[in-house]
Amino acid sequence: MKNRLTIIIPTLNNLEGIRYLSRYFRDKDYDLVVVDNSKKNRGFAGGVNYGARNAKTKWLLILNDDIEFKDETTLDELVKEAEKRKLDAVSPLLRNPNGKIENYGYRVLPYGKIELFSTSSNNKMDGLTAACLLIKTSVFKKLRGFDERFFAYLEDVDFFLRFKKTGYKMGLSAVTVKHNHLTTAKTMGNFKARQDMVNWWRLYFKHKEKFTFDFKFLIERLRNISGYIKATFSN
């Protein structure tokens, strides 16, 4: 596996998570790039792009700093599966701390909302979450990485809409990892609500063919505004 995988971990003040991941990768033949957003906050999108700029390996692993792996062979299994199935991007199944699978991919609804799939049998998938995403370096760079205007939240949705338009192939693996969700609504204040409010409009203007600008769409945007106001005054 040597020289075939670069791991990019954007992080912001999660020392516990970075210590765990540093120990996990210490004796493995991967290129590890930790992007410390506490020094210059590039957001998730900019942090990943910054970490990937000099990558020369065949594969990139984009990784949240709160992921835990079940054993020492997880990533090798993921790469082997991607190559066997001829995938350009693949995600393992993410398990919450309570053991529940988070989703089996998602689709973007015409009125501007994400529908998470609860089974693996759906063939209408628009994208994968980027918490633990294996993707070909060449594909990531051809698509110019994440759009840094999104900063954080929905940047992966925008990326996979572009990915899908270009005809690349994505898939889910049966391999599982643990997603600890160390960033919560309480620690973020109104940040996520603000990003959702702004970034849904960014998605709309970039991918108008995907959306229907109607009453339902406007209701969802009003819900974004309401969520932002609620988060602002409840913290």
C-alpha atoms as a PDB file:
ATOM      1  CA  MET A   1       0.000   0.000   0.000  1.00  0.00           C
ATOM      2  CA  LYS A   2       3.068   2.244   0.217  1.00  0.00           C
ATOM      3  CA  ASN A   3       2.913   5.508  -1.749  1.00  0.00           C
ATOM      4  CA  ARG A   4      -0.678   4.860  -2.792  1.00  0.00           C
ATOM      5  CA  LEU A   5      -2.588   6.777  -0.130  1.00  0.00           C
ATOM      6  CA  THR A   6      -2.470  10.312   1.276  1.00  0.00           C
ATOM      7  CA  ILE A   7      -4.586  10.983   4.362  1.00  0.00           C
ATOM      8  CA  ILE A   8      -5.819  14.540   4.903  1.00  0.00           C
ATOM      9  CA  ILE A   9      -7.208  15.520   8.302  1.00  0.00           C
ATOM     10  CA  PRO A  10      -8.422  19.100   8.801  1.00  0.00           C
ATOM     11  CA  THR A  11      -8.665  19.735  12.535  1.00  0.00           C
ATOM     12  CA  LEU A  12      -9.740  22.497  14.881  1.00  0.00           C
ATOM     13  CA  ASN A  13      -8.827  22.120  18.571  1.00  0.00           C
ATOM     14  CA  ASN A  14      -9.497  18.370  18.779  1.00  0.00           C
ATOM     15  CA  LEU A  15      -6.265  17.202  20.398  1.00  0.00           C
ATOM     16  CA  GLU A  16      -7.768  13.929  21.598  1.00  0.00           C
ATOM     17  CA  GLY A  17      -8.869  12.945  18.106  1.00  0.00           C
ATOM     18  CA  ILE A  18      -5.546  13.907  16.514  1.00  0.00           C
ATOM     19  CA  ARG A  19      -3.580  11.975  19.146  1.00  0.00           C
ATOM     20  CA  TYR A  20      -5.642   8.860  18.438  1.00  0.00           C
ATOM     21  CA  LEU A  21      -5.262   9.182  14.651  1.00  0.00           C
ATOM     22  CA  SER A  22      -1.529   9.935  14.901  1.00  0.00           C
ATOM     23  CA  ARG A  23      -1.042   6.747  16.930  1.00  0.00           C
ATOM     24  CA  TYR A  24      -3.203   4.753  14.531  1.00  0.00           C
ATOM     25  CA  PHE A  25      -1.238   5.855  11.451  1.00  0.00           C
ATOM     26  CA  ARG A  26       2.204   5.946  13.093  1.00  0.00           C
ATOM     27  CA  ASP A  27       3.588   2.679  11.704  1.00  0.00           C
ATOM     28  CA  LYS A  28       1.635   2.603   8.460  1.00  0.00           C
ATOM     29  CA  ASP A  29       2.987   3.382   5.000  1.00  0.00           C
ATOM     30  CA  TYR A  30       0.645   6.274   4.275  1.00  0.00           C
ATOM     31  CA  ASP A  31       1.362   9.950   3.715  1.00  0.00           C
ATOM     32  CA  LEU A  32      -0.335  11.760   6.615  1.00  0.00           C
ATOM     33  CA  VAL A  33      -1.219  15.467   6.319  1.00  0.00           C
ATOM     34  CA  VAL A  34      -2.814  17.187   9.329  1.00  0.00           C
ATOM     35  CA  VAL A  35      -4.134  20.674   8.553  1.00  0.00           C
ATOM     36  CA  ASP A  36      -4.324  22.720  11.758  1.00  0.00           C
ATOM     37  CA  ASN A  37      -7.191  25.163  11.314  1.00  0.00           C
ATOM     38  CA  SER A  38      -6.514  26.746  14.710  1.00  0.00           C
ATOM     39  CA  LYS A  39      -3.555  28.601  13.157  1.00  0.00           C
ATOM     40  CA  LYS A  40      -5.386  29.706  10.031  1.00  0.00           C
ATOM     41  CA  ASN A  41      -8.995  28.608   9.729  1.00  0.00           C
ATOM     42  CA  ARG A  42      -9.537  27.550   6.142  1.00  0.00           C
ATOM     43  CA  GLY A  43     -12.717  25.687   7.012  1.00  0.00           C
ATOM     44  CA  PHE A  44     -13.217  22.058   6.084  1.00  0.00           C
ATOM     45  CA  ALA A  45     -13.239  22.796   2.344  1.00  0.00           C
ATOM     46  CA  GLY A  46     -10.096  24.919   2.351  1.00  0.00           C
ATOM     47  CA  GLY A  47      -8.344  22.629   4.814  1.00  0.00           C
ATOM     48  CA  VAL A  48      -8.820  19.593   2.589  1.00  0.00           C
ATOM     49  CA  ASN A  49      -7.758  21.492  -0.537  1.00  0.00           C
ATOM     50  CA  TYR A  50      -4.666  22.808   1.232  1.00  0.00           C
ATOM     51  CA  GLY A  51      -3.740  19.326   2.412  1.00  0.00           C
ATOM     52  CA  ALA A  52      -4.256  17.807  -1.041  1.00  0.00           C
ATOM     53  CA  ARG A  53      -2.292  20.385  -3.029  1.00  0.00           C
ATOM     54  CA  ASN A  54       0.974  18.390  -3.095  1.00  0.00           C
ATOM     55  CA  ALA A  55      -0.499  14.874  -2.991  1.00  0.00           C
ATOM     56  CA  LYS A  56       1.031  12.542  -5.570  1.00  0.00           C
ATOM     57  CA  THR A  57      -0.462   9.238  -4.441  1.00  0.00           C
ATOM     58  CA  LYS A  58      -3.169   7.400  -6.364  1.00  0.00           C
ATOM     59  CA  TRP A  59      -5.707   7.792  -3.558  1.00  0.00           C
ATOM     60  CA  LEU A  60      -6.727  10.470  -1.063  1.00  0.00           C
ATOM     61  CA  LEU A  61      -8.507   9.752   2.193  1.00  0.00           C
ATOM     62  CA  ILE A  62     -10.423  12.800   3.431  1.00  0.00           C
ATOM     63  CA  LEU A  63     -10.941  12.287   7.136  1.00  0.00           C
ATOM     64  CA  ASN A  64     -12.730  13.991  10.009  1.00  0.00           C
ATOM     65  CA  ASP A  65     -10.682  14.264  13.185  1.00  0.00           C
ATOM     66  CA  ASP A  66     -13.322  12.324  15.166  1.00  0.00           C
ATOM     67  CA  ILE A  67     -13.218   9.028  13.237  1.00  0.00           C
ATOM     68  CA  GLU A  68     -12.085   5.751  14.824  1.00  0.00           C
ATOM     69  CA  PHE A  69     -11.122   2.605  12.926  1.00  0.00           C
ATOM     70  CA  LYS A  70     -12.201  -0.888  13.924  1.00  0.00           C
ATOM     71  CA  ASP A  71      -8.848  -2.558  13.157  1.00  0.00           C
ATOM     72  CA  GLU A  72      -5.477  -2.165  11.448  1.00  0.00           C
ATOM     73  CA  THR A  73      -6.606  -3.323   7.994  1.00  0.00           C
ATOM     74  CA  THR A  74      -9.636  -1.058   7.463  1.00  0.00           C
ATOM     75  CA  LEU A  75      -8.048   1.271   4.913  1.00  0.00           C
ATOM     76  CA  ASP A  76      -6.329  -1.512   2.997  1.00  0.00           C
ATOM     77  CA  GLU A  77      -9.719  -3.214   2.672  1.00  0.00           C
ATOM     78  CA  LEU A  78     -11.301   0.031   1.492  1.00  0.00           C
ATOM     79  CA  VAL A  79      -8.676   0.623  -1.208  1.00  0.00           C
ATOM     80  CA  LYS A  80      -8.859  -2.990  -2.415  1.00  0.00           C
ATOM     81  CA  GLU A  81     -12.635  -2.782  -2.674  1.00  0.00           C
ATOM     82  CA  ALA A  82     -12.510   0.525  -4.578  1.00  0.00           C
ATOM     83  CA  GLU A  83     -10.067  -0.923  -7.089  1.00  0.00           C
ATOM     84  CA  LYS A  84     -11.946  -4.200  -7.465  1.00  0.00           C
ATOM     85  CA  ARG A  85     -15.240  -2.370  -8.126  1.00  0.00           C
ATOM     86  CA  LYS A  86     -13.487   0.287 -10.262  1.00  0.00           C
ATOM     87  CA  LEU A  87     -14.839   3.123  -8.137  1.00  0.00           C
ATOM     88  CA  ASP A  88     -13.545   6.685  -8.256  1.00  0.00           C
ATOM     89  CA  ALA A  89     -14.785   7.404  -4.720  1.00  0.00           C
ATOM     90  CA  VAL A  90     -15.952   5.183  -1.887  1.00  0.00           C
ATOM     91  CA  SER A  91     -17.043   5.684   1.697  1.00  0.00           C
ATOM     92  CA  PRO A  92     -17.208   3.160   4.516  1.00  0.00           C
ATOM     93  CA  LEU A  93     -20.383   2.970   6.562  1.00  0.00           C
ATOM     94  CA  LEU A  94     -20.280   5.457   9.436  1.00  0.00           C
ATOM     95  CA  ARG A  95     -21.494   4.225  12.815  1.00  0.00           C
ATOM     96  CA  ASN A  96     -22.594   6.607  15.548  1.00  0.00           C
ATOM     97  CA  PRO A  97     -21.213   5.996  19.058  1.00  0.00           C
ATOM     98  CA  ASN A  98     -24.415   4.026  19.761  1.00  0.00           C
ATOM     99  CA  GLY A  99     -23.588   1.680  16.866  1.00  0.00           C
ATOM    100  CA  LYS A 100     -26.281   2.864  14.461  1.00  0.00           C
ATOM    101  CA  ILE A 101     -25.422   3.351  10.771  1.00  0.00           C
ATOM    102  CA  GLU A 102     -25.721   7.064   9.953  1.00  0.00           C
ATOM    103  CA  ASN A 103     -26.815   6.701   6.337  1.00  0.00           C
ATOM    104  CA  TYR A 104     -26.342   4.822   3.087  1.00  0.00           C
ATOM    105  CA  GLY A 105     -25.677   7.897   0.981  1.00  0.00           C
ATOM    106  CA  TYR A 106     -28.195  10.576   0.134  1.00  0.00           C
ATOM    107  CA  ARG A 107     -30.002  12.411  -2.607  1.00  0.00           C
ATOM    108  CA  VAL A 108     -30.672  16.126  -3.055  1.00  0.00           C
ATOM    109  CA  LEU A 109     -34.390  16.843  -3.274  1.00  0.00           C
ATOM    110  CA  PRO A 110     -35.686  19.421  -5.806  1.00  0.00           C
ATOM    111  CA  TYR A 111     -36.869  21.787  -3.059  1.00  0.00           C
ATOM    112  CA  GLY A 112     -33.439  22.003  -1.436  1.00  0.00           C
ATOM    113  CA  LYS A 113     -33.228  19.352   1.251  1.00  0.00           C
ATOM    114  CA  ILE A 114     -31.080  16.268   1.827  1.00  0.00           C
ATOM    115  CA  GLU A 115     -32.766  12.874   2.007  1.00  0.00           C
ATOM    116  CA  LEU A 116     -30.537  10.388   3.827  1.00  0.00           C
ATOM    117  CA  PHE A 117     -30.987   6.788   2.733  1.00  0.00           C
ATOM    118  CA  SER A 118     -31.648   4.251   5.482  1.00  0.00           C
ATOM    119  CA  THR A 119     -30.949   1.164   3.352  1.00  0.00           C
ATOM    120  CA  SER A 120     -28.257   0.172   0.882  1.00  0.00           C
ATOM    121  CA  SER A 121     -30.691  -0.765  -1.893  1.00  0.00           C
ATOM    122  CA  ASN A 122     -31.300   2.749  -3.257  1.00  0.00           C
ATOM    123  CA  ASN A 123     -29.849   3.495  -6.694  1.00  0.00           C
ATOM    124  CA  LYS A 124     -30.712   7.222  -6.769  1.00  0.00           C
ATOM    125  CA  MET A 125     -27.700   8.305  -4.729  1.00  0.00           C
ATOM    126  CA  ASP A 126     -26.396  11.824  -5.370  1.00  0.00           C
ATOM    127  CA  GLY A 127     -23.427  11.663  -3.044  1.00  0.00           C
ATOM    128  CA  LEU A 128     -21.470  10.416  -0.056  1.00  0.00           C
ATOM    129  CA  THR A 129     -20.583  12.183   3.162  1.00  0.00           C
ATOM    130  CA  ALA A 130     -16.973  13.339   3.385  1.00  0.00           C
ATOM    131  CA  ALA A 131     -16.289  12.365   7.009  1.00  0.00           C
ATOM    132  CA  CYS A 132     -14.253   9.390   5.764  1.00  0.00           C
ATOM    133  CA  LEU A 133     -14.000   9.518   1.993  1.00  0.00           C
ATOM    134  CA  LEU A 134     -11.580   7.624  -0.222  1.00  0.00           C
ATOM    135  CA  ILE A 135     -11.223   9.267  -3.632  1.00  0.00           C
ATOM    136  CA  LYS A 136      -8.780   9.118  -6.512  1.00  0.00           C
ATOM    137  CA  THR A 137      -6.351  12.016  -6.297  1.00  0.00           C
ATOM    138  CA  SER A 138      -6.629  12.644 -10.028  1.00  0.00           C
ATOM    139  CA  VAL A 139     -10.425  12.939  -9.807  1.00  0.00           C
ATOM    140  CA  PHE A 140     -10.303  15.290  -6.819  1.00  0.00           C
ATOM    141  CA  LYS A 141      -7.848  17.559  -8.625  1.00  0.00           C
ATOM    142  CA  LYS A 142      -9.673  17.461 -11.972  1.00  0.00           C
ATOM    143  CA  LEU A 143     -12.772  18.707 -10.155  1.00  0.00           C
ATOM    144  CA  ARG A 144     -10.623  21.388  -8.446  1.00  0.00           C
ATOM    145  CA  GLY A 145     -11.399  19.982  -5.022  1.00  0.00           C
ATOM    146  CA  PHE A 146     -13.996  21.520  -2.749  1.00  0.00           C
ATOM    147  CA  ASP A 147     -15.436  24.949  -3.486  1.00  0.00           C
ATOM    148  CA  GLU A 148     -13.893  27.003  -0.673  1.00  0.00           C
ATOM    149  CA  ARG A 149     -16.727  29.534  -0.734  1.00  0.00           C
ATOM    150  CA  PHE A 150     -18.760  26.926   1.159  1.00  0.00           C
ATOM    151  CA  PHE A 151     -16.092  26.929   3.917  1.00  0.00           C
ATOM    152  CA  ALA A 152     -17.883  24.164   5.835  1.00  0.00           C
ATOM    153  CA  TYR A 153     -21.180  22.282   5.416  1.00  0.00           C
ATOM    154  CA  LEU A 154     -22.653  21.294   2.047  1.00  0.00           C
ATOM    155  CA  GLU A 155     -19.236  21.559   0.362  1.00  0.00           C
ATOM    156  CA  ASP A 156     -19.349  17.782  -0.078  1.00  0.00           C
ATOM    157  CA  VAL A 157     -22.853  17.975  -1.570  1.00  0.00           C
ATOM    158  CA  ASP A 158     -21.651  20.522  -4.130  1.00  0.00           C
ATOM    159  CA  PHE A 159     -18.592  18.379  -4.860  1.00  0.00           C
ATOM    160  CA  PHE A 160     -20.606  15.234  -5.514  1.00  0.00           C
ATOM    161  CA  LEU A 161     -23.116  17.026  -7.718  1.00  0.00           C
ATOM    162  CA  ARG A 162     -20.144  18.046  -9.880  1.00  0.00           C
ATOM    163  CA  PHE A 163     -18.641  14.559  -9.538  1.00  0.00           C
ATOM    164  CA  LYS A 164     -21.860  12.925 -10.714  1.00  0.00           C
ATOM    165  CA  LYS A 165     -22.312  15.317 -13.661  1.00  0.00           C
ATOM    166  CA  THR A 166     -18.849  14.381 -14.904  1.00  0.00           C
ATOM    167  CA  GLY A 167     -19.721  10.692 -14.916  1.00  0.00           C
ATOM    168  CA  TYR A 168     -17.422   9.413 -12.195  1.00  0.00           C
ATOM    169  CA  LYS A 169     -18.445   6.343 -10.205  1.00  0.00           C
ATOM    170  CA  MET A 170     -19.078   6.326  -6.448  1.00  0.00           C
ATOM    171  CA  GLY A 171     -20.073   3.597  -4.035  1.00  0.00           C
ATOM    172  CA  LEU A 172     -20.488   2.521  -0.426  1.00  0.00           C
ATOM    173  CA  SER A 173     -18.419  -0.162   1.248  1.00  0.00           C
ATOM    174  CA  ALA A 174     -19.542  -2.671   3.864  1.00  0.00           C
ATOM    175  CA  VAL A 175     -16.448  -1.671   5.873  1.00  0.00           C
ATOM    176  CA  THR A 176     -17.466   0.337   8.953  1.00  0.00           C
ATOM    177  CA  VAL A 177     -15.805   3.092  11.004  1.00  0.00           C
ATOM    178  CA  LYS A 178     -16.928   4.899  14.140  1.00  0.00           C
ATOM    179  CA  HIS A 179     -17.962   8.558  13.871  1.00  0.00           C
ATOM    180  CA  ASN A 180     -17.806  10.203  17.287  1.00  0.00           C
ATOM    181  CA  HIS A 181     -19.508  13.522  16.418  1.00  0.00           C
ATOM    182  CA  LEU A 182     -17.351  15.587  18.765  1.00  0.00           C
ATOM    183  CA  THR A 183     -18.628  18.795  17.153  1.00  0.00           C
ATOM    184  CA  THR A 184     -22.183  19.413  18.337  1.00  0.00           C
ATOM    185  CA  ALA A 185     -24.792  22.138  18.081  1.00  0.00           C
ATOM    186  CA  LYS A 186     -23.799  23.298  21.565  1.00  0.00           C
ATOM    187  CA  THR A 187     -20.150  23.779  20.625  1.00  0.00           C
ATOM    188  CA  MET A 188     -20.922  25.418  17.260  1.00  0.00           C
ATOM    189  CA  GLY A 189     -23.430  28.020  18.428  1.00  0.00           C
ATOM    190  CA  ASN A 190     -25.194  29.396  15.348  1.00  0.00           C
ATOM    191  CA  PHE A 191     -22.343  28.592  12.949  1.00  0.00           C
ATOM    192  CA  LYS A 192     -23.858  25.521  11.268  1.00  0.00           C
ATOM    193  CA  ALA A 193     -27.275  27.182  11.014  1.00  0.00           C
ATOM    194  CA  ARG A 194     -25.692  30.196   9.335  1.00  0.00           C
ATOM    195  CA  GLN A 195     -23.736  27.994   6.931  1.00  0.00           C
ATOM    196  CA  ASP A 196     -26.860  26.043   6.005  1.00  0.00           C
ATOM    197  CA  MET A 197     -28.771  29.276   5.412  1.00  0.00           C
ATOM    198  CA  VAL A 198     -26.099  30.676   3.074  1.00  0.00           C
ATOM    199  CA  ASN A 199     -24.826  27.514   1.415  1.00  0.00           C
ATOM    200  CA  TRP A 200     -28.190  26.232   0.215  1.00  0.00           C
ATOM    201  CA  TRP A 201     -28.406  29.363  -1.916  1.00  0.00           C
ATOM    202  CA  ARG A 202     -24.872  28.694  -3.185  1.00  0.00           C
ATOM    203  CA  LEU A 203     -25.949  25.196  -4.172  1.00  0.00           C
ATOM    204  CA  TYR A 204     -29.025  26.538  -5.918  1.00  0.00           C
ATOM    205  CA  PHE A 205     -27.137  29.063  -8.052  1.00  0.00           C
ATOM    206  CA  LYS A 206     -24.423  26.536  -8.962  1.00  0.00           C
ATOM    207  CA  HIS A 207     -26.803  23.675  -9.781  1.00  0.00           C
ATOM    208  CA  LYS A 208     -30.079  25.274 -10.868  1.00  0.00           C
ATOM    209  CA  GLU A 209     -30.942  22.272 -13.020  1.00  0.00           C
ATOM    210  CA  LYS A 210     -31.152  20.177  -9.842  1.00  0.00           C
ATOM    211  CA  PHE A 211     -33.760  22.355  -8.118  1.00  0.00           C
ATOM    212  CA  THR A 212     -37.311  23.557  -8.612  1.00  0.00           C
ATOM    213  CA  PHE A 213     -37.727  27.157  -7.516  1.00  0.00           C
ATOM    214  CA  ASP A 214     -41.228  27.000  -6.079  1.00  0.00           C
ATOM    215  CA  PHE A 215     -43.181  27.412  -2.858  1.00  0.00           C
ATOM    216  CA  LYS A 216     -41.642  24.293  -1.261  1.00  0.00           C
ATOM    217  CA  PHE A 217     -38.143  25.553  -2.048  1.00  0.00           C
ATOM    218  CA  LEU A 218     -38.869  28.930  -0.431  1.00  0.00           C
ATOM    219  CA  ILE A 219     -40.378  27.246   2.632  1.00  0.00           C
ATOM    220  CA  GLU A 220     -37.137  25.299   3.135  1.00  0.00           C
ATOM    221  CA  ARG A 221     -35.101  28.503   2.895  1.00  0.00           C
ATOM    222  CA  LEU A 222     -37.388  30.134   5.470  1.00  0.00           C
ATOM    223  CA  ARG A 223     -36.739  27.124   7.708  1.00  0.00           C
ATOM    224  CA  ASN A 224     -33.016  27.773   7.327  1.00  0.00           C
ATOM    225  CA  ILE A 225     -33.532  31.382   8.423  1.00  0.00           C
ATOM    226  CA  SER A 226     -35.705  30.265  11.341  1.00  0.00           C
ATOM    227  CA  GLY A 227     -33.044  27.755  12.407  1.00  0.00           C
ATOM    228  CA  TYR A 228     -30.385  30.446  12.323  1.00  0.00           C
ATOM    229  CA  ILE A 229     -32.471  32.832  14.443  1.00  0.00           C
ATOM    230  CA  LYS A 230     -33.264  30.072  16.943  1.00  0.00           C
ATOM    231  CA  ALA A 231     -29.603  29.032  17.214  1.00  0.00           C
ATOM    232  CA  THR A 232     -28.507  32.650  17.615  1.00  0.00           C
ATOM    233  CA  PHE A 233     -30.827  33.438  20.508  1.00  0.00           C
ATOM    234  CA  SER A 234     -30.607  30.074  22.278  1.00  0.00           C
ATOM    235  CA  ASN A 235     -26.821  30.253  22.794  1.00  0.00           C
END
